[in-house]
Amino acid sequence: MLSGPLEALAAAFGVVFLAELGDKTQLMVLAFATRYRALPVILGVVAASVLVMGVSVLVGAALGSLIDVRLLQLIGGVIFLLFAAWTLLGREEAEEDIEAVARYRPRPRSGLRAAAVVAGTFVLAELGDKSMLAALTLATQAEPLATWLGATLALVGVSLIAAIVGRQIGERVPRRLLRLVSAAAFALFGVLLVLDALI
């Protein structure tokens, strides 16, 4: 169990940040950033992140109040180990798919409509994604508000990196390396949770 709000915030930020590096959502934001002005993209990303992580944390906190803490730790550990395998073995997201999403959306006439398009697409892309499930899992055992804040900041941060410098990072850091680092972090977190539940 994460003992304090700062630990919960740091854990949520770290886990969600690593989950999103090189993920389809980050690539989608990069594609939108090439089509729309920066402000509507940022507003859409922030609104969607607040909503997605808020729902995840609410569900996780509700489950946490209903199920025994040790069982939750064990389940959470197994889930993070599965995230590690998912990250290593999962299909790499094709940039062509993300570009197709950006091409499919008509260019809105107003900044508000552009933000709505980005937010709606972002929410759909995040449904059932690793970052959403990670926030839900962490919220079963950690302070909900701190978990929500950390997860939301991480999701916004990774998306802003994509919108601002994503193309340069993508050209210099191999996606395989990002996947390996994320998988190792998930595995470590999973092992720690399982050990905490069993000892």
Protein backbone atom coordinates (compact mmCIF):
# COMPACT_ATOMS: atom_id res chain seq x y z
CA MET A 1 0.00 0.00 0.00
CA LEU A 2 1.35 3.43 -0.91
CA SER A 3 1.48 5.22 2.41
CA GLY A 4 1.11 8.89 1.53
CA PRO A 5 -0.22 11.30 -1.09
CA LEU A 6 3.26 12.20 -2.39
CA GLU A 7 4.10 8.53 -2.91
CA ALA A 8 0.78 8.00 -4.68
CA LEU A 9 1.32 11.05 -6.90
CA ALA A 10 4.88 9.98 -7.80
CA ALA A 11 3.90 6.37 -8.47
CA ALA A 12 0.94 7.38 -10.65
CA PHE A 13 3.01 9.91 -12.57
CA GLY A 14 5.87 7.45 -13.18
CA VAL A 15 3.73 4.49 -14.18
CA VAL A 16 1.40 6.42 -16.51
CA PHE A 17 4.28 8.41 -18.04
CA LEU A 18 6.15 5.20 -18.90
CA ALA A 19 2.96 3.54 -20.16
CA GLU A 20 2.35 6.36 -22.63
CA LEU A 21 5.88 6.78 -24.04
CA GLY A 22 5.69 5.77 -27.69
CA ASP A 23 2.04 4.74 -27.28
CA LYS A 24 -0.65 5.26 -29.92
CA THR A 25 -2.11 8.23 -28.01
CA GLN A 26 1.20 10.06 -28.09
CA LEU A 27 1.49 9.45 -31.82
CA MET A 28 -2.11 10.58 -32.32
CA VAL A 29 -1.39 13.87 -30.51
CA LEU A 30 1.68 14.33 -32.72
CA ALA A 31 -0.51 13.85 -35.80
CA PHE A 32 -3.08 16.39 -34.55
CA ALA A 33 -0.32 18.86 -33.68
CA THR A 34 0.71 18.88 -37.34
CA ARG A 35 -2.85 19.82 -38.39
CA TYR A 36 -4.16 22.21 -35.73
CA ARG A 37 -2.82 25.13 -33.73
CA ALA A 38 -1.11 24.20 -30.46
CA LEU A 39 -3.67 25.73 -28.06
CA PRO A 40 -6.72 23.67 -29.18
CA VAL A 41 -4.62 20.49 -29.15
CA ILE A 42 -3.39 21.21 -25.63
CA LEU A 43 -6.90 22.09 -24.40
CA GLY A 44 -8.30 18.89 -25.90
CA VAL A 45 -5.54 16.78 -24.35
CA VAL A 46 -5.99 18.34 -20.90
CA ALA A 47 -9.79 17.95 -20.92
CA ALA A 48 -9.58 14.32 -22.07
CA SER A 49 -6.82 13.47 -19.57
CA VAL A 50 -8.79 14.91 -16.65
CA LEU A 51 -11.85 12.87 -17.69
CA VAL A 52 -10.12 9.56 -18.47
CA MET A 53 -7.96 9.53 -15.35
CA GLY A 54 -10.84 10.77 -13.19
CA VAL A 55 -13.05 7.85 -14.24
CA SER A 56 -10.17 5.38 -13.79
CA VAL A 57 -9.39 6.59 -10.29
CA LEU A 58 -13.05 6.67 -9.22
CA VAL A 59 -13.52 3.05 -10.30
CA GLY A 60 -10.23 2.00 -8.67
CA ALA A 61 -11.04 3.77 -5.39
CA ALA A 62 -14.48 2.13 -5.29
CA LEU A 63 -12.94 -1.31 -5.81
CA GLY A 64 -10.31 -0.54 -3.17
CA SER A 65 -12.96 0.08 -0.53
CA LEU A 66 -14.68 -3.24 -1.29
CA ILE A 67 -11.79 -5.71 -1.55
CA ASP A 68 -9.13 -6.79 0.98
CA VAL A 69 -5.88 -4.79 0.69
CA ARG A 70 -3.56 -7.82 0.36
CA LEU A 71 -5.71 -9.33 -2.37
CA LEU A 72 -5.69 -5.99 -4.19
CA GLN A 73 -1.90 -5.81 -3.93
CA LEU A 74 -1.58 -9.32 -5.34
CA ILE A 75 -4.01 -8.58 -8.19
CA GLY A 76 -2.30 -5.24 -8.85
CA GLY A 77 1.11 -6.90 -8.97
CA VAL A 78 -0.10 -9.51 -11.45
CA ILE A 79 -1.72 -6.79 -13.57
CA PHE A 80 1.55 -4.83 -13.72
CA LEU A 81 3.45 -8.00 -14.68
CA LEU A 82 0.89 -8.49 -17.46
CA PHE A 83 1.46 -4.85 -18.51
CA ALA A 84 5.18 -5.65 -18.78
CA ALA A 85 4.43 -8.61 -21.06
CA TRP A 86 1.87 -6.56 -23.03
CA THR A 87 4.45 -3.82 -23.56
CA LEU A 88 7.14 -6.27 -24.70
CA LEU A 89 5.01 -8.58 -26.83
CA GLY A 90 2.28 -6.23 -28.05
CA ARG A 91 2.10 -5.09 -31.62
CA GLU A 92 3.89 -1.82 -32.21
CA GLU A 93 1.42 0.88 -33.16
CA ALA A 94 1.87 1.81 -36.80
CA GLU A 95 2.36 5.50 -37.45
CA GLU A 96 0.29 5.06 -40.62
CA ASP A 97 -2.74 4.18 -38.45
CA ILE A 98 -2.35 7.36 -36.42
CA GLU A 99 -1.90 9.48 -39.52
CA ALA A 100 -5.06 7.91 -40.95
CA VAL A 101 -6.96 9.02 -37.83
CA ALA A 102 -5.71 12.57 -38.27
CA ARG A 103 -6.61 12.56 -41.99
CA TYR A 104 -10.07 11.16 -41.26
CA ARG A 105 -11.01 14.12 -39.07
CA PRO A 106 -12.03 17.22 -41.01
CA ARG A 107 -10.14 20.36 -40.15
CA PRO A 108 -12.51 22.27 -37.82
CA ARG A 109 -13.12 25.95 -38.43
CA SER A 110 -12.79 27.04 -34.79
CA GLY A 111 -10.32 26.40 -31.99
CA LEU A 112 -13.12 25.07 -29.78
CA ARG A 113 -14.17 22.53 -32.39
CA ALA A 114 -10.55 21.47 -32.89
CA ALA A 115 -10.18 20.98 -29.12
CA ALA A 116 -13.39 18.92 -29.08
CA VAL A 117 -12.14 16.71 -31.93
CA VAL A 118 -8.81 16.15 -30.17
CA ALA A 119 -10.49 15.46 -26.80
CA GLY A 120 -13.03 13.03 -28.26
CA THR A 121 -10.45 11.09 -30.23
CA PHE A 122 -8.09 11.07 -27.23
CA VAL A 123 -10.77 9.61 -24.93
CA LEU A 124 -11.61 6.88 -27.45
CA ALA A 125 -7.91 6.05 -27.89
CA GLU A 126 -7.42 5.76 -24.13
CA LEU A 127 -10.38 3.45 -23.40
CA GLY A 128 -8.91 0.20 -22.09
CA ASP A 129 -5.35 1.45 -22.61
CA LYS A 130 -2.46 0.57 -20.27
CA SER A 131 -2.38 4.02 -18.69
CA MET A 132 -6.09 3.95 -17.84
CA LEU A 133 -5.82 0.45 -16.34
CA ALA A 134 -2.64 1.41 -14.46
CA ALA A 135 -4.35 4.42 -12.86
CA LEU A 136 -7.31 2.25 -11.92
CA THR A 137 -5.03 -0.36 -10.34
CA LEU A 138 -3.01 2.22 -8.38
CA ALA A 139 -6.19 3.90 -7.13
CA THR A 140 -7.29 0.66 -5.45
CA GLN A 141 -4.44 1.07 -2.95
CA ALA A 142 -3.41 4.71 -2.96
CA GLU A 143 -4.86 8.10 -2.09
CA PRO A 144 -7.32 8.80 -4.95
CA LEU A 145 -6.82 12.55 -5.40
CA ALA A 146 -3.02 12.24 -5.51
CA THR A 147 -3.28 9.26 -7.87
CA TRP A 148 -5.61 11.20 -10.18
CA LEU A 149 -3.34 14.25 -10.14
CA GLY A 150 -0.18 12.24 -10.83
CA ALA A 151 -1.80 10.19 -13.61
CA THR A 152 -3.37 13.25 -15.23
CA LEU A 153 -0.11 15.23 -15.13
CA ALA A 154 1.75 12.30 -16.68
CA LEU A 155 -0.77 11.86 -19.48
CA VAL A 156 -0.76 15.59 -20.24
CA GLY A 157 3.04 15.74 -19.98
CA VAL A 158 3.65 12.89 -22.40
CA SER A 159 1.12 14.35 -24.81
CA LEU A 160 2.74 17.79 -24.66
CA ILE A 161 6.11 16.20 -25.37
CA ALA A 162 4.52 14.62 -28.43
CA ALA A 163 2.95 17.90 -29.53
CA ILE A 164 6.10 19.97 -29.03
CA VAL A 165 9.15 17.79 -29.61
CA GLY A 166 7.74 14.37 -30.47
CA ARG A 167 9.11 14.23 -33.98
CA GLN A 168 12.68 14.96 -32.87
CA ILE A 169 12.52 12.45 -29.99
CA GLY A 170 10.99 9.83 -32.26
CA GLU A 171 13.87 10.20 -34.69
CA ARG A 172 16.56 9.94 -31.98
CA VAL A 173 15.21 7.42 -29.44
CA PRO A 174 14.30 3.98 -30.79
CA ARG A 175 10.73 2.97 -29.93
CA ARG A 176 12.03 -0.48 -28.97
CA LEU A 177 14.18 1.11 -26.23
CA LEU A 178 11.16 3.00 -24.89
CA ARG A 179 9.17 -0.26 -24.83
CA LEU A 180 11.96 -2.10 -22.96
CA VAL A 181 12.26 0.64 -20.32
CA SER A 182 8.48 0.73 -19.84
CA ALA A 183 8.26 -3.07 -19.59
CA ALA A 184 11.08 -3.18 -17.01
CA ALA A 185 9.36 -0.51 -14.90
CA PHE A 186 6.03 -2.37 -15.03
CA ALA A 187 7.73 -5.64 -14.09
CA LEU A 188 9.56 -4.05 -11.16
CA PHE A 189 6.39 -2.42 -9.85
CA GLY A 190 4.50 -5.69 -10.26
CA VAL A 191 7.10 -7.73 -8.38
CA LEU A 192 7.16 -5.20 -5.53
CA LEU A 193 3.38 -5.31 -5.19
CA VAL A 194 3.28 -9.12 -5.22
CA LEU A 195 6.05 -9.33 -2.61
CA ASP A 196 4.30 -6.75 -0.47
CA ALA A 197 1.09 -8.80 -0.61
CA LEU A 198 2.79 -12.10 0.22
CA ILE A 199 5.19 -10.99 2.96
